[in-house]
Amino acid sequence: MALEFFWGSGSCNSWRVHLALEIKRVPYESHLLQFSKREHKADEYLKINPRGKVPAIRDGQFTLYESLAILQYLERRFPEPPLLGRTAEEAGLVMRQALELIFYLEPILDRVAVPIYGGKAAEQAEAIKAAAVDLRQELSRLEAVLARTPFLVGDAISAADCTAFPFIQQVLRASGKEAARPLELGFLPLEQTYPSLAAWVKRIEALPGYDRTYPPHWR
């Protein structure tokens, strides 16, 4: 029986797990939950994740939620190719990078993207611009890493890349909105502002199975 994957379109947490499933070539049954229909709050799904959030997996009788926990499970269940490093040092670096992205970059990204998506770009223009300054600093840190190595932790893709990639795609999507253009956030075009980061995005987009992970409602 294939592993079941419950996810939401555009959810960064879902996307990182989706990438891992494809990279590891795990056979899975996709369950795309519609937020507009509140399927993530349905009684049947709450039996899998009582918090009513995505993603979650069901593997036989075993269920698990929280994206980093799922990545750890997948690593033990399907060890090749490894996404959490082959050595203790690599494992530490991958997890540190993933946690830095979640604890530092993600909250700043929310300050930029959420008002733009919510139709409040003009109303909160100054706050968005201030957040963009901080976000550019975080992106510069990633740019410096990727100028030296093809992926965030060395020569092979890892859970750090799976964590970072959806965030970068959110940066691109939010800053490309019509409402964001007057704000001159300084992210686009990515090939000019962060060339190493742009090349890394293309490397991930070229992965087999990538297209299945792309948020359907973004197409």
N, C-alpha and C. Protein backbone atom coordinates (compact mmCIF):
# COMPACT_ATOMS: atom_id res chain seq x y z
N MET A 1 0.85 -1.20 0.00
CA MET A 1 0.00 0.00 0.00
C MET A 1 0.88 1.25 0.00
N ALA A 2 0.61 2.18 -0.91
CA ALA A 2 1.42 3.38 -1.02
C ALA A 2 1.20 4.31 0.17
N LEU A 3 2.23 5.00 0.52
CA LEU A 3 2.14 6.03 1.55
C LEU A 3 1.17 7.10 1.08
N GLU A 4 0.34 7.62 1.98
CA GLU A 4 -0.61 8.68 1.64
C GLU A 4 -0.05 10.02 2.10
N PHE A 5 -0.16 11.00 1.23
CA PHE A 5 0.38 12.33 1.48
C PHE A 5 -0.76 13.35 1.39
N PHE A 6 -0.99 14.05 2.49
CA PHE A 6 -2.05 15.05 2.58
C PHE A 6 -1.38 16.44 2.56
N TRP A 7 -1.80 17.27 1.62
CA TRP A 7 -1.09 18.53 1.43
C TRP A 7 -2.03 19.62 0.96
N GLY A 8 -1.50 20.84 0.92
CA GLY A 8 -2.26 21.99 0.46
C GLY A 8 -1.47 22.77 -0.56
N SER A 9 -2.13 23.26 -1.59
CA SER A 9 -1.48 24.01 -2.65
C SER A 9 -0.93 25.33 -2.12
N GLY A 10 0.37 25.55 -2.33
CA GLY A 10 1.01 26.78 -1.90
C GLY A 10 1.55 26.75 -0.48
N SER A 11 1.28 25.71 0.25
CA SER A 11 1.81 25.57 1.61
C SER A 11 3.29 25.24 1.55
N CYS A 12 4.12 26.10 2.13
CA CYS A 12 5.57 25.85 2.14
C CYS A 12 5.90 24.56 2.88
N ASN A 13 5.20 24.30 3.98
CA ASN A 13 5.46 23.09 4.74
C ASN A 13 5.14 21.85 3.91
N SER A 14 4.03 21.91 3.18
CA SER A 14 3.68 20.79 2.30
C SER A 14 4.71 20.62 1.20
N TRP A 15 5.11 21.74 0.62
CA TRP A 15 5.99 21.69 -0.54
C TRP A 15 7.32 21.03 -0.20
N ARG A 16 7.86 21.30 0.99
CA ARG A 16 9.17 20.71 1.32
C ARG A 16 9.05 19.18 1.42
N VAL A 17 7.93 18.70 1.94
CA VAL A 17 7.73 17.25 2.01
C VAL A 17 7.49 16.67 0.62
N HIS A 18 6.74 17.40 -0.19
CA HIS A 18 6.45 16.95 -1.55
C HIS A 18 7.75 16.79 -2.34
N LEU A 19 8.64 17.75 -2.21
CA LEU A 19 9.94 17.65 -2.87
C LEU A 19 10.71 16.42 -2.39
N ALA A 20 10.69 16.19 -1.10
CA ALA A 20 11.41 15.04 -0.54
C ALA A 20 10.86 13.73 -1.09
N LEU A 21 9.55 13.62 -1.19
CA LEU A 21 8.93 12.41 -1.73
C LEU A 21 9.38 12.15 -3.16
N GLU A 22 9.44 13.22 -3.95
CA GLU A 22 9.84 13.07 -5.34
C GLU A 22 11.34 12.77 -5.47
N ILE A 23 12.14 13.45 -4.68
CA ILE A 23 13.59 13.21 -4.74
C ILE A 23 13.91 11.77 -4.35
N LYS A 24 13.23 11.28 -3.33
CA LYS A 24 13.46 9.91 -2.87
C LYS A 24 12.70 8.87 -3.70
N ARG A 25 11.86 9.35 -4.61
CA ARG A 25 11.06 8.47 -5.47
C ARG A 25 10.21 7.52 -4.65
N VAL A 26 9.58 8.07 -3.65
CA VAL A 26 8.69 7.29 -2.79
C VAL A 26 7.33 7.13 -3.49
N PRO A 27 6.82 5.93 -3.63
CA PRO A 27 5.46 5.77 -4.15
C PRO A 27 4.46 6.36 -3.15
N TYR A 28 3.62 7.26 -3.61
CA TYR A 28 2.67 7.87 -2.67
C TYR A 28 1.35 8.15 -3.36
N GLU A 29 0.32 8.19 -2.53
CA GLU A 29 -1.02 8.56 -2.98
C GLU A 29 -1.27 10.00 -2.55
N SER A 30 -1.52 10.86 -3.50
CA SER A 30 -1.69 12.29 -3.22
C SER A 30 -3.11 12.62 -2.80
N HIS A 31 -3.23 13.37 -1.70
CA HIS A 31 -4.51 13.90 -1.25
C HIS A 31 -4.38 15.41 -1.14
N LEU A 32 -4.79 16.12 -2.16
CA LEU A 32 -4.73 17.58 -2.15
C LEU A 32 -5.96 18.12 -1.45
N LEU A 33 -5.76 18.74 -0.30
CA LEU A 33 -6.87 19.28 0.48
C LEU A 33 -7.19 20.70 0.03
N GLN A 34 -8.45 20.99 -0.14
CA GLN A 34 -8.89 22.31 -0.57
C GLN A 34 -9.15 23.19 0.65
N PHE A 35 -8.31 24.22 0.82
CA PHE A 35 -8.50 25.12 1.95
C PHE A 35 -9.83 25.84 1.85
N SER A 36 -10.25 26.20 0.64
CA SER A 36 -11.50 26.93 0.45
C SER A 36 -12.71 26.13 0.92
N LYS A 37 -12.58 24.81 0.89
CA LYS A 37 -13.66 23.92 1.36
C LYS A 37 -13.43 23.45 2.79
N ARG A 38 -12.35 23.97 3.40
CA ARG A 38 -11.97 23.62 4.77
C ARG A 38 -11.81 22.11 4.95
N GLU A 39 -11.26 21.47 3.92
CA GLU A 39 -11.05 20.03 4.02
C GLU A 39 -10.00 19.68 5.06
N HIS A 40 -9.12 20.64 5.37
CA HIS A 40 -8.11 20.40 6.41
C HIS A 40 -8.70 20.45 7.82
N LYS A 41 -9.95 20.85 7.92
CA LYS A 41 -10.64 20.89 9.21
C LYS A 41 -11.73 19.83 9.31
N ALA A 42 -11.84 18.99 8.27
CA ALA A 42 -12.86 17.95 8.26
C ALA A 42 -12.56 16.89 9.34
N ASP A 43 -13.61 16.28 9.87
CA ASP A 43 -13.44 15.31 10.95
C ASP A 43 -12.50 14.18 10.56
N GLU A 44 -12.61 13.72 9.32
CA GLU A 44 -11.78 12.60 8.89
C GLU A 44 -10.30 12.97 8.89
N TYR A 45 -10.00 14.21 8.45
CA TYR A 45 -8.60 14.63 8.44
C TYR A 45 -8.10 14.92 9.85
N LEU A 46 -8.95 15.41 10.70
CA LEU A 46 -8.53 15.72 12.07
C LEU A 46 -8.12 14.45 12.83
N LYS A 47 -8.54 13.29 12.35
CA LYS A 47 -8.08 12.04 12.95
C LYS A 47 -6.61 11.80 12.62
N ILE A 48 -6.15 12.39 11.52
CA ILE A 48 -4.76 12.25 11.08
C ILE A 48 -3.91 13.36 11.69
N ASN A 49 -4.42 14.59 11.62
CA ASN A 49 -3.74 15.73 12.25
C ASN A 49 -4.77 16.54 13.03
N PRO A 50 -4.82 16.35 14.33
CA PRO A 50 -5.83 17.05 15.14
C PRO A 50 -5.65 18.57 15.15
N ARG A 51 -4.50 19.06 14.68
CA ARG A 51 -4.31 20.50 14.60
C ARG A 51 -4.93 21.09 13.33
N GLY A 52 -5.35 20.23 12.43
CA GLY A 52 -6.02 20.71 11.23
C GLY A 52 -5.13 21.50 10.30
N LYS A 53 -3.87 21.08 10.18
CA LYS A 53 -2.93 21.76 9.30
C LYS A 53 -2.30 20.74 8.36
N VAL A 54 -1.65 21.25 7.33
CA VAL A 54 -0.93 20.37 6.39
C VAL A 54 0.57 20.68 6.50
N PRO A 55 1.38 19.67 6.16
CA PRO A 55 1.08 18.37 5.61
C PRO A 55 0.91 17.31 6.69
N ALA A 56 0.53 16.12 6.21
CA ALA A 56 0.52 14.93 7.06
C ALA A 56 0.70 13.73 6.14
N ILE A 57 1.11 12.63 6.73
CA ILE A 57 1.24 11.38 5.97
C ILE A 57 0.55 10.27 6.73
N ARG A 58 0.16 9.25 5.98
CA ARG A 58 -0.33 8.01 6.58
C ARG A 58 0.36 6.87 5.86
N ASP A 59 1.08 6.07 6.61
CA ASP A 59 1.83 4.95 6.05
C ASP A 59 1.32 3.69 6.74
N GLY A 60 0.37 3.02 6.09
CA GLY A 60 -0.28 1.91 6.76
C GLY A 60 -1.12 2.42 7.91
N GLN A 61 -0.83 1.95 9.10
CA GLN A 61 -1.55 2.40 10.29
C GLN A 61 -0.88 3.58 10.98
N PHE A 62 0.29 3.96 10.49
CA PHE A 62 1.05 5.03 11.13
C PHE A 62 0.73 6.37 10.49
N THR A 63 0.44 7.38 11.31
CA THR A 63 0.20 8.73 10.81
C THR A 63 1.19 9.68 11.46
N LEU A 64 1.51 10.76 10.73
CA LEU A 64 2.48 11.72 11.23
C LEU A 64 2.22 13.09 10.62
N TYR A 65 2.34 14.11 11.42
CA TYR A 65 2.27 15.48 10.91
C TYR A 65 3.47 16.25 11.44
N GLU A 66 3.61 17.49 10.99
CA GLU A 66 4.75 18.38 11.18
C GLU A 66 5.83 18.01 10.15
N SER A 67 6.14 18.97 9.29
CA SER A 67 6.95 18.68 8.11
C SER A 67 8.35 18.17 8.43
N LEU A 68 9.03 18.74 9.40
CA LEU A 68 10.38 18.27 9.71
C LEU A 68 10.36 16.86 10.28
N ALA A 69 9.32 16.56 11.06
CA ALA A 69 9.17 15.19 11.57
C ALA A 69 8.95 14.22 10.42
N ILE A 70 8.16 14.64 9.44
CA ILE A 70 7.91 13.78 8.28
C ILE A 70 9.20 13.56 7.49
N LEU A 71 10.00 14.61 7.32
CA LEU A 71 11.28 14.45 6.63
C LEU A 71 12.17 13.45 7.35
N GLN A 72 12.18 13.50 8.67
CA GLN A 72 12.98 12.55 9.45
C GLN A 72 12.47 11.13 9.25
N TYR A 73 11.16 10.98 9.25
CA TYR A 73 10.56 9.66 9.04
C TYR A 73 10.92 9.11 7.65
N LEU A 74 10.77 9.96 6.64
CA LEU A 74 11.10 9.53 5.28
C LEU A 74 12.56 9.12 5.16
N GLU A 75 13.42 9.83 5.87
CA GLU A 75 14.85 9.54 5.81
C GLU A 75 15.15 8.14 6.36
N ARG A 76 14.47 7.78 7.45
CA ARG A 76 14.68 6.46 8.03
C ARG A 76 13.99 5.37 7.20
N ARG A 77 12.82 5.70 6.68
CA ARG A 77 12.02 4.72 5.94
C ARG A 77 12.56 4.49 4.53
N PHE A 78 13.04 5.57 3.91
CA PHE A 78 13.55 5.51 2.54
C PHE A 78 14.90 6.23 2.52
N PRO A 79 15.96 5.58 2.95
CA PRO A 79 17.24 6.27 3.20
C PRO A 79 17.97 6.80 1.97
N GLU A 80 17.63 6.33 0.79
CA GLU A 80 18.34 6.80 -0.41
C GLU A 80 17.43 7.56 -1.36
N PRO A 81 17.92 8.64 -1.93
CA PRO A 81 19.17 9.33 -1.56
C PRO A 81 18.97 10.07 -0.24
N PRO A 82 20.01 10.21 0.55
CA PRO A 82 19.85 10.86 1.85
C PRO A 82 19.58 12.35 1.71
N LEU A 83 18.69 12.85 2.53
CA LEU A 83 18.40 14.29 2.57
C LEU A 83 18.83 14.92 3.88
N LEU A 84 19.26 14.09 4.82
CA LEU A 84 19.71 14.60 6.11
C LEU A 84 21.18 14.28 6.36
N GLY A 85 21.92 14.11 5.28
CA GLY A 85 23.37 13.93 5.41
C GLY A 85 23.79 12.49 5.60
N ARG A 86 25.02 12.20 5.21
CA ARG A 86 25.57 10.86 5.40
C ARG A 86 26.45 10.78 6.64
N THR A 87 26.86 11.91 7.18
CA THR A 87 27.71 11.93 8.37
C THR A 87 27.03 12.75 9.45
N ALA A 88 27.53 12.63 10.66
CA ALA A 88 26.99 13.42 11.77
C ALA A 88 27.14 14.91 11.48
N GLU A 89 28.29 15.28 10.90
CA GLU A 89 28.54 16.69 10.60
C GLU A 89 27.53 17.21 9.57
N GLU A 90 27.32 16.44 8.51
CA GLU A 90 26.37 16.85 7.48
C GLU A 90 24.96 16.95 8.04
N ALA A 91 24.58 15.98 8.87
CA ALA A 91 23.24 16.00 9.47
C ALA A 91 23.04 17.26 10.30
N GLY A 92 24.06 17.62 11.05
CA GLY A 92 23.98 18.83 11.86
C GLY A 92 23.85 20.09 11.02
N LEU A 93 24.63 20.16 9.95
CA LEU A 93 24.59 21.33 9.08
C LEU A 93 23.25 21.46 8.35
N VAL A 94 22.72 20.32 7.88
CA VAL A 94 21.43 20.34 7.19
C VAL A 94 20.33 20.82 8.13
N MET A 95 20.29 20.27 9.33
CA MET A 95 19.23 20.66 10.26
C MET A 95 19.40 22.10 10.73
N ARG A 96 20.64 22.53 10.94
CA ARG A 96 20.86 23.93 11.32
C ARG A 96 20.34 24.86 10.24
N GLN A 97 20.66 24.56 8.99
CA GLN A 97 20.22 25.41 7.89
C GLN A 97 18.69 25.42 7.79
N ALA A 98 18.07 24.27 7.92
CA ALA A 98 16.61 24.20 7.85
C ALA A 98 15.97 25.01 8.97
N LEU A 99 16.51 24.89 10.17
CA LEU A 99 15.93 25.62 11.31
C LEU A 99 16.16 27.12 11.19
N GLU A 100 17.33 27.51 10.68
CA GLU A 100 17.57 28.94 10.47
C GLU A 100 16.56 29.52 9.49
N LEU A 101 16.27 28.77 8.45
CA LEU A 101 15.29 29.23 7.47
C LEU A 101 13.92 29.40 8.10
N ILE A 102 13.53 28.44 8.93
CA ILE A 102 12.20 28.48 9.54
C ILE A 102 12.11 29.56 10.61
N PHE A 103 13.16 29.69 11.41
CA PHE A 103 13.10 30.63 12.53
C PHE A 103 13.42 32.07 12.15
N TYR A 104 14.24 32.27 11.12
CA TYR A 104 14.67 33.62 10.77
C TYR A 104 14.09 34.12 9.46
N LEU A 105 14.23 33.34 8.39
CA LEU A 105 13.75 33.83 7.09
C LEU A 105 12.22 33.82 7.00
N GLU A 106 11.59 32.75 7.43
CA GLU A 106 10.14 32.63 7.25
C GLU A 106 9.33 33.75 7.91
N PRO A 107 9.63 34.16 9.16
CA PRO A 107 8.85 35.25 9.75
C PRO A 107 9.00 36.57 8.99
N ILE A 108 10.19 36.81 8.46
CA ILE A 108 10.40 38.03 7.66
C ILE A 108 9.62 37.94 6.35
N LEU A 109 9.68 36.79 5.72
CA LEU A 109 8.93 36.58 4.48
C LEU A 109 7.44 36.82 4.70
N ASP A 110 6.92 36.36 5.82
CA ASP A 110 5.50 36.57 6.10
C ASP A 110 5.16 38.05 6.18
N ARG A 111 6.09 38.85 6.73
CA ARG A 111 5.85 40.29 6.83
C ARG A 111 5.79 40.95 5.46
N VAL A 112 6.45 40.34 4.49
CA VAL A 112 6.41 40.87 3.12
C VAL A 112 5.22 40.31 2.36
N ALA A 113 5.09 38.99 2.36
CA ALA A 113 4.13 38.34 1.46
C ALA A 113 2.68 38.40 1.93
N VAL A 114 2.45 38.24 3.21
CA VAL A 114 1.06 38.16 3.69
C VAL A 114 0.26 39.42 3.37
N PRO A 115 0.79 40.63 3.63
CA PRO A 115 0.02 41.82 3.26
C PRO A 115 -0.21 41.94 1.74
N ILE A 116 0.77 41.52 0.95
CA ILE A 116 0.61 41.59 -0.51
C ILE A 116 -0.49 40.64 -0.95
N TYR A 117 -0.44 39.42 -0.47
CA TYR A 117 -1.48 38.45 -0.82
C TYR A 117 -2.85 38.88 -0.29
N GLY A 118 -2.85 39.56 0.83
CA GLY A 118 -4.11 39.95 1.46
C GLY A 118 -4.69 41.26 0.95
N GLY A 119 -4.07 41.84 -0.09
CA GLY A 119 -4.60 43.08 -0.65
C GLY A 119 -4.31 44.32 0.17
N LYS A 120 -3.27 44.27 1.01
CA LYS A 120 -2.95 45.40 1.87
C LYS A 120 -1.58 46.00 1.57
N ALA A 121 -1.11 45.81 0.34
CA ALA A 121 0.23 46.28 -0.02
C ALA A 121 0.35 47.79 0.12
N ALA A 122 -0.63 48.53 -0.36
CA ALA A 122 -0.58 50.00 -0.28
C ALA A 122 -0.72 50.46 1.16
N GLU A 123 -1.61 49.83 1.86
CA GLU A 123 -1.88 50.21 3.26
C GLU A 123 -0.68 49.97 4.17
N GLN A 124 0.05 48.92 3.92
CA GLN A 124 1.19 48.56 4.77
C GLN A 124 2.52 48.71 4.04
N ALA A 125 2.58 49.64 3.11
CA ALA A 125 3.75 49.79 2.25
C ALA A 125 5.04 49.98 3.02
N GLU A 126 5.04 50.85 4.00
CA GLU A 126 6.29 51.13 4.72
C GLU A 126 6.75 49.92 5.52
N ALA A 127 5.81 49.21 6.12
CA ALA A 127 6.18 48.01 6.89
C ALA A 127 6.73 46.93 5.96
N ILE A 128 6.14 46.81 4.79
CA ILE A 128 6.62 45.81 3.82
C ILE A 128 8.02 46.17 3.35
N LYS A 129 8.26 47.44 3.07
CA LYS A 129 9.58 47.86 2.63
C LYS A 129 10.63 47.60 3.71
N ALA A 130 10.26 47.84 4.95
CA ALA A 130 11.20 47.59 6.05
C ALA A 130 11.51 46.10 6.17
N ALA A 131 10.48 45.29 6.02
CA ALA A 131 10.69 43.84 6.08
C ALA A 131 11.54 43.37 4.90
N ALA A 132 11.37 44.01 3.75
CA ALA A 132 12.13 43.63 2.56
C ALA A 132 13.63 43.85 2.77
N VAL A 133 13.98 44.87 3.52
CA VAL A 133 15.40 45.11 3.84
C VAL A 133 15.97 43.92 4.60
N ASP A 134 15.21 43.45 5.60
CA ASP A 134 15.66 42.29 6.38
C ASP A 134 15.69 41.03 5.52
N LEU A 135 14.70 40.90 4.65
CA LEU A 135 14.64 39.71 3.80
C LEU A 135 15.81 39.68 2.82
N ARG A 136 16.19 40.83 2.31
CA ARG A 136 17.34 40.87 1.40
C ARG A 136 18.62 40.43 2.10
N GLN A 137 18.73 40.73 3.38
CA GLN A 137 19.90 40.27 4.13
C GLN A 137 19.93 38.74 4.23
N GLU A 138 18.77 38.16 4.47
CA GLU A 138 18.69 36.70 4.55
C GLU A 138 18.99 36.06 3.19
N LEU A 139 18.48 36.65 2.13
CA LEU A 139 18.74 36.12 0.80
C LEU A 139 20.21 36.28 0.42
N SER A 140 20.82 37.34 0.87
CA SER A 140 22.26 37.53 0.61
C SER A 140 23.08 36.45 1.30
N ARG A 141 22.65 36.03 2.46
CA ARG A 141 23.34 34.95 3.16
C ARG A 141 23.26 33.65 2.35
N LEU A 142 22.08 33.36 1.81
CA LEU A 142 21.92 32.17 0.97
C LEU A 142 22.74 32.30 -0.32
N GLU A 143 22.73 33.50 -0.89
CA GLU A 143 23.49 33.75 -2.11
C GLU A 143 24.97 33.46 -1.90
N ALA A 144 25.49 33.87 -0.76
CA ALA A 144 26.91 33.64 -0.47
C ALA A 144 27.23 32.15 -0.37
N VAL A 145 26.33 31.39 0.23
CA VAL A 145 26.53 29.94 0.34
C VAL A 145 26.50 29.30 -1.05
N LEU A 146 25.50 29.69 -1.85
CA LEU A 146 25.30 29.07 -3.15
C LEU A 146 26.32 29.54 -4.19
N ALA A 147 27.04 30.58 -3.90
CA ALA A 147 28.14 30.99 -4.78
C ALA A 147 29.31 30.03 -4.64
N ARG A 148 29.34 29.27 -3.54
CA ARG A 148 30.44 28.34 -3.29
C ARG A 148 30.08 26.88 -3.59
N THR A 149 28.81 26.52 -3.38
CA THR A 149 28.39 25.13 -3.56
C THR A 149 27.05 25.10 -4.31
N PRO A 150 26.78 24.00 -5.03
CA PRO A 150 25.55 23.95 -5.82
C PRO A 150 24.28 23.86 -4.98
N PHE A 151 24.40 23.34 -3.77
CA PHE A 151 23.25 23.23 -2.88
C PHE A 151 23.62 23.82 -1.52
N LEU A 152 22.65 23.94 -0.65
CA LEU A 152 22.88 24.69 0.59
C LEU A 152 23.81 24.00 1.56
N VAL A 153 23.93 22.68 1.43
CA VAL A 153 24.91 21.97 2.26
C VAL A 153 25.72 21.06 1.34
N GLY A 154 26.64 21.65 0.62
CA GLY A 154 27.55 20.88 -0.21
C GLY A 154 27.05 20.59 -1.61
N ASP A 155 27.48 19.45 -2.14
CA ASP A 155 27.26 19.12 -3.54
C ASP A 155 25.97 18.37 -3.81
N ALA A 156 25.27 17.95 -2.77
CA ALA A 156 24.04 17.16 -2.95
C ALA A 156 22.85 17.88 -2.35
N ILE A 157 21.69 17.71 -2.99
CA ILE A 157 20.48 18.31 -2.46
C ILE A 157 20.15 17.70 -1.11
N SER A 158 19.56 18.49 -0.23
CA SER A 158 19.26 18.02 1.12
C SER A 158 17.94 18.63 1.59
N ALA A 159 17.57 18.26 2.80
CA ALA A 159 16.35 18.81 3.40
C ALA A 159 16.45 20.32 3.57
N ALA A 160 17.66 20.85 3.64
CA ALA A 160 17.82 22.30 3.71
C ALA A 160 17.31 22.96 2.43
N ASP A 161 17.63 22.37 1.30
CA ASP A 161 17.14 22.90 0.02
C ASP A 161 15.63 22.74 -0.10
N CYS A 162 15.12 21.60 0.35
CA CYS A 162 13.67 21.38 0.32
C CYS A 162 12.95 22.41 1.19
N THR A 163 13.58 22.83 2.26
CA THR A 163 12.99 23.83 3.14
C THR A 163 13.07 25.22 2.53
N ALA A 164 14.20 25.54 1.93
CA ALA A 164 14.41 26.88 1.39
C ALA A 164 13.60 27.15 0.13
N PHE A 165 13.50 26.15 -0.73
CA PHE A 165 12.93 26.38 -2.06
C PHE A 165 11.51 26.97 -2.04
N PRO A 166 10.58 26.43 -1.26
CA PRO A 166 9.24 27.04 -1.25
C PRO A 166 9.25 28.49 -0.77
N PHE A 167 10.13 28.81 0.15
CA PHE A 167 10.22 30.20 0.61
C PHE A 167 10.66 31.12 -0.52
N ILE A 168 11.65 30.69 -1.27
CA ILE A 168 12.13 31.52 -2.38
C ILE A 168 11.04 31.68 -3.44
N GLN A 169 10.31 30.62 -3.69
CA GLN A 169 9.21 30.72 -4.65
C GLN A 169 8.14 31.70 -4.15
N GLN A 170 7.92 31.74 -2.87
CA GLN A 170 6.97 32.71 -2.31
C GLN A 170 7.49 34.14 -2.47
N VAL A 171 8.79 34.32 -2.31
CA VAL A 171 9.38 35.65 -2.53
C VAL A 171 9.11 36.09 -3.97
N LEU A 172 9.37 35.18 -4.90
CA LEU A 172 9.18 35.52 -6.31
C LEU A 172 7.72 35.80 -6.63
N ARG A 173 6.84 34.99 -6.11
CA ARG A 173 5.42 35.16 -6.42
C ARG A 173 4.88 36.46 -5.82
N ALA A 174 5.19 36.71 -4.56
CA ALA A 174 4.68 37.91 -3.90
C ALA A 174 5.23 39.18 -4.54
N SER A 175 6.53 39.21 -4.80
CA SER A 175 7.14 40.42 -5.35
C SER A 175 6.77 40.63 -6.81
N GLY A 176 6.27 39.57 -7.47
CA GLY A 176 5.83 39.71 -8.85
C GLY A 176 4.39 40.17 -8.99
N LYS A 177 3.67 40.27 -7.90
CA LYS A 177 2.28 40.74 -7.95
C LYS A 177 2.23 42.21 -8.37
N GLU A 178 1.18 42.55 -9.08
CA GLU A 178 1.01 43.93 -9.54
C GLU A 178 1.06 44.92 -8.39
N ALA A 179 0.45 44.56 -7.27
CA ALA A 179 0.40 45.46 -6.11
C ALA A 179 1.77 45.70 -5.50
N ALA A 180 2.71 44.78 -5.73
CA ALA A 180 4.04 44.91 -5.14
C ALA A 180 4.98 45.77 -5.97
N ARG A 181 4.66 45.99 -7.22
CA ARG A 181 5.59 46.70 -8.11
C ARG A 181 5.91 48.12 -7.64
N PRO A 182 4.94 48.90 -7.18
CA PRO A 182 5.29 50.25 -6.72
C PRO A 182 6.21 50.27 -5.50
N LEU A 183 6.30 49.15 -4.79
CA LEU A 183 7.10 49.10 -3.57
C LEU A 183 8.59 48.95 -3.85
N GLU A 184 8.94 48.52 -5.08
CA GLU A 184 10.34 48.35 -5.46
C GLU A 184 11.11 47.57 -4.39
N LEU A 185 10.71 46.33 -4.20
CA LEU A 185 11.26 45.51 -3.12
C LEU A 185 12.69 45.06 -3.35
N GLY A 186 13.13 45.05 -4.61
CA GLY A 186 14.53 44.74 -4.88
C GLY A 186 14.87 43.28 -5.01
N PHE A 187 13.86 42.44 -5.28
CA PHE A 187 14.12 41.01 -5.42
C PHE A 187 14.22 40.58 -6.88
N LEU A 188 13.56 41.30 -7.75
CA LEU A 188 13.46 40.90 -9.16
C LEU A 188 14.23 41.84 -10.07
N PRO A 189 14.74 41.32 -11.19
CA PRO A 189 14.78 39.90 -11.54
C PRO A 189 15.83 39.14 -10.73
N LEU A 190 15.49 37.95 -10.31
CA LEU A 190 16.37 37.19 -9.43
C LEU A 190 17.72 36.91 -10.07
N GLU A 191 17.75 36.73 -11.39
CA GLU A 191 19.00 36.44 -12.10
C GLU A 191 20.01 37.57 -11.95
N GLN A 192 19.53 38.78 -11.73
CA GLN A 192 20.42 39.93 -11.56
C GLN A 192 20.71 40.23 -10.09
N THR A 193 19.69 40.09 -9.25
CA THR A 193 19.88 40.45 -7.84
C THR A 193 20.60 39.36 -7.06
N TYR A 194 20.27 38.09 -7.36
CA TYR A 194 20.89 36.96 -6.66
C TYR A 194 21.16 35.86 -7.68
N PRO A 195 22.20 36.00 -8.49
CA PRO A 195 22.42 35.06 -9.59
C PRO A 195 22.67 33.61 -9.15
N SER A 196 23.37 33.42 -8.05
CA SER A 196 23.63 32.06 -7.58
C SER A 196 22.35 31.42 -7.07
N LEU A 197 21.52 32.20 -6.42
CA LEU A 197 20.23 31.72 -5.94
C LEU A 197 19.33 31.37 -7.13
N ALA A 198 19.37 32.19 -8.17
CA ALA A 198 18.56 31.93 -9.36
C ALA A 198 19.00 30.63 -10.04
N ALA A 199 20.31 30.40 -10.11
CA ALA A 199 20.81 29.16 -10.72
C ALA A 199 20.40 27.95 -9.89
N TRP A 200 20.38 28.10 -8.58
CA TRP A 200 19.95 27.02 -7.67
C TRP A 200 18.47 26.71 -7.89
N VAL A 201 17.64 27.74 -8.06
CA VAL A 201 16.22 27.53 -8.33
C VAL A 201 16.05 26.69 -9.59
N LYS A 202 16.81 27.00 -10.61
CA LYS A 202 16.70 26.25 -11.87
C LYS A 202 17.15 24.80 -11.69
N ARG A 203 18.15 24.57 -10.85
CA ARG A 203 18.60 23.20 -10.61
C ARG A 203 17.48 22.38 -9.97
N ILE A 204 16.78 22.98 -9.04
CA ILE A 204 15.70 22.25 -8.37
C ILE A 204 14.51 22.07 -9.31
N GLU A 205 14.20 23.08 -10.09
CA GLU A 205 13.09 22.97 -11.04
C GLU A 205 13.35 21.90 -12.10
N ALA A 206 14.61 21.56 -12.32
CA ALA A 206 14.97 20.55 -13.32
C ALA A 206 14.92 19.13 -12.77
N LEU A 207 14.66 18.97 -11.48
CA LEU A 207 14.63 17.64 -10.89
C LEU A 207 13.47 16.82 -11.44
N PRO A 208 13.67 15.52 -11.65
CA PRO A 208 12.55 14.65 -12.06
C PRO A 208 11.43 14.71 -11.02
N GLY A 209 10.20 14.85 -11.48
CA GLY A 209 9.07 14.89 -10.57
C GLY A 209 8.75 16.25 -10.00
N TYR A 210 9.61 17.24 -10.29
CA TYR A 210 9.37 18.57 -9.73
C TYR A 210 7.99 19.11 -10.08
N ASP A 211 7.59 18.92 -11.32
CA ASP A 211 6.33 19.52 -11.77
C ASP A 211 5.15 19.06 -10.94
N ARG A 212 5.21 17.84 -10.40
CA ARG A 212 4.10 17.34 -9.57
C ARG A 212 4.00 18.08 -8.24
N THR A 213 5.08 18.74 -7.84
CA THR A 213 5.06 19.46 -6.56
C THR A 213 4.57 20.89 -6.69
N TYR A 214 4.50 21.40 -7.90
CA TYR A 214 4.18 22.81 -8.10
C TYR A 214 2.73 23.10 -7.70
N PRO A 215 2.49 24.15 -6.93
CA PRO A 215 1.12 24.44 -6.47
C PRO A 215 0.13 24.59 -7.62
N PRO A 216 -0.89 23.77 -7.65
CA PRO A 216 -1.84 23.83 -8.78
C PRO A 216 -2.49 25.20 -8.97
N HIS A 217 -2.78 25.89 -7.87
CA HIS A 217 -3.49 27.16 -8.03
C HIS A 217 -2.56 28.30 -8.46
N TRP A 218 -1.27 28.02 -8.59
CA TRP A 218 -0.34 29.02 -9.10
C TRP A 218 -0.22 28.97 -10.62
N ARG A 219 -0.71 27.92 -11.24
CA ARG A 219 -0.52 27.72 -12.67
C ARG A 219 -1.35 28.72 -13.48
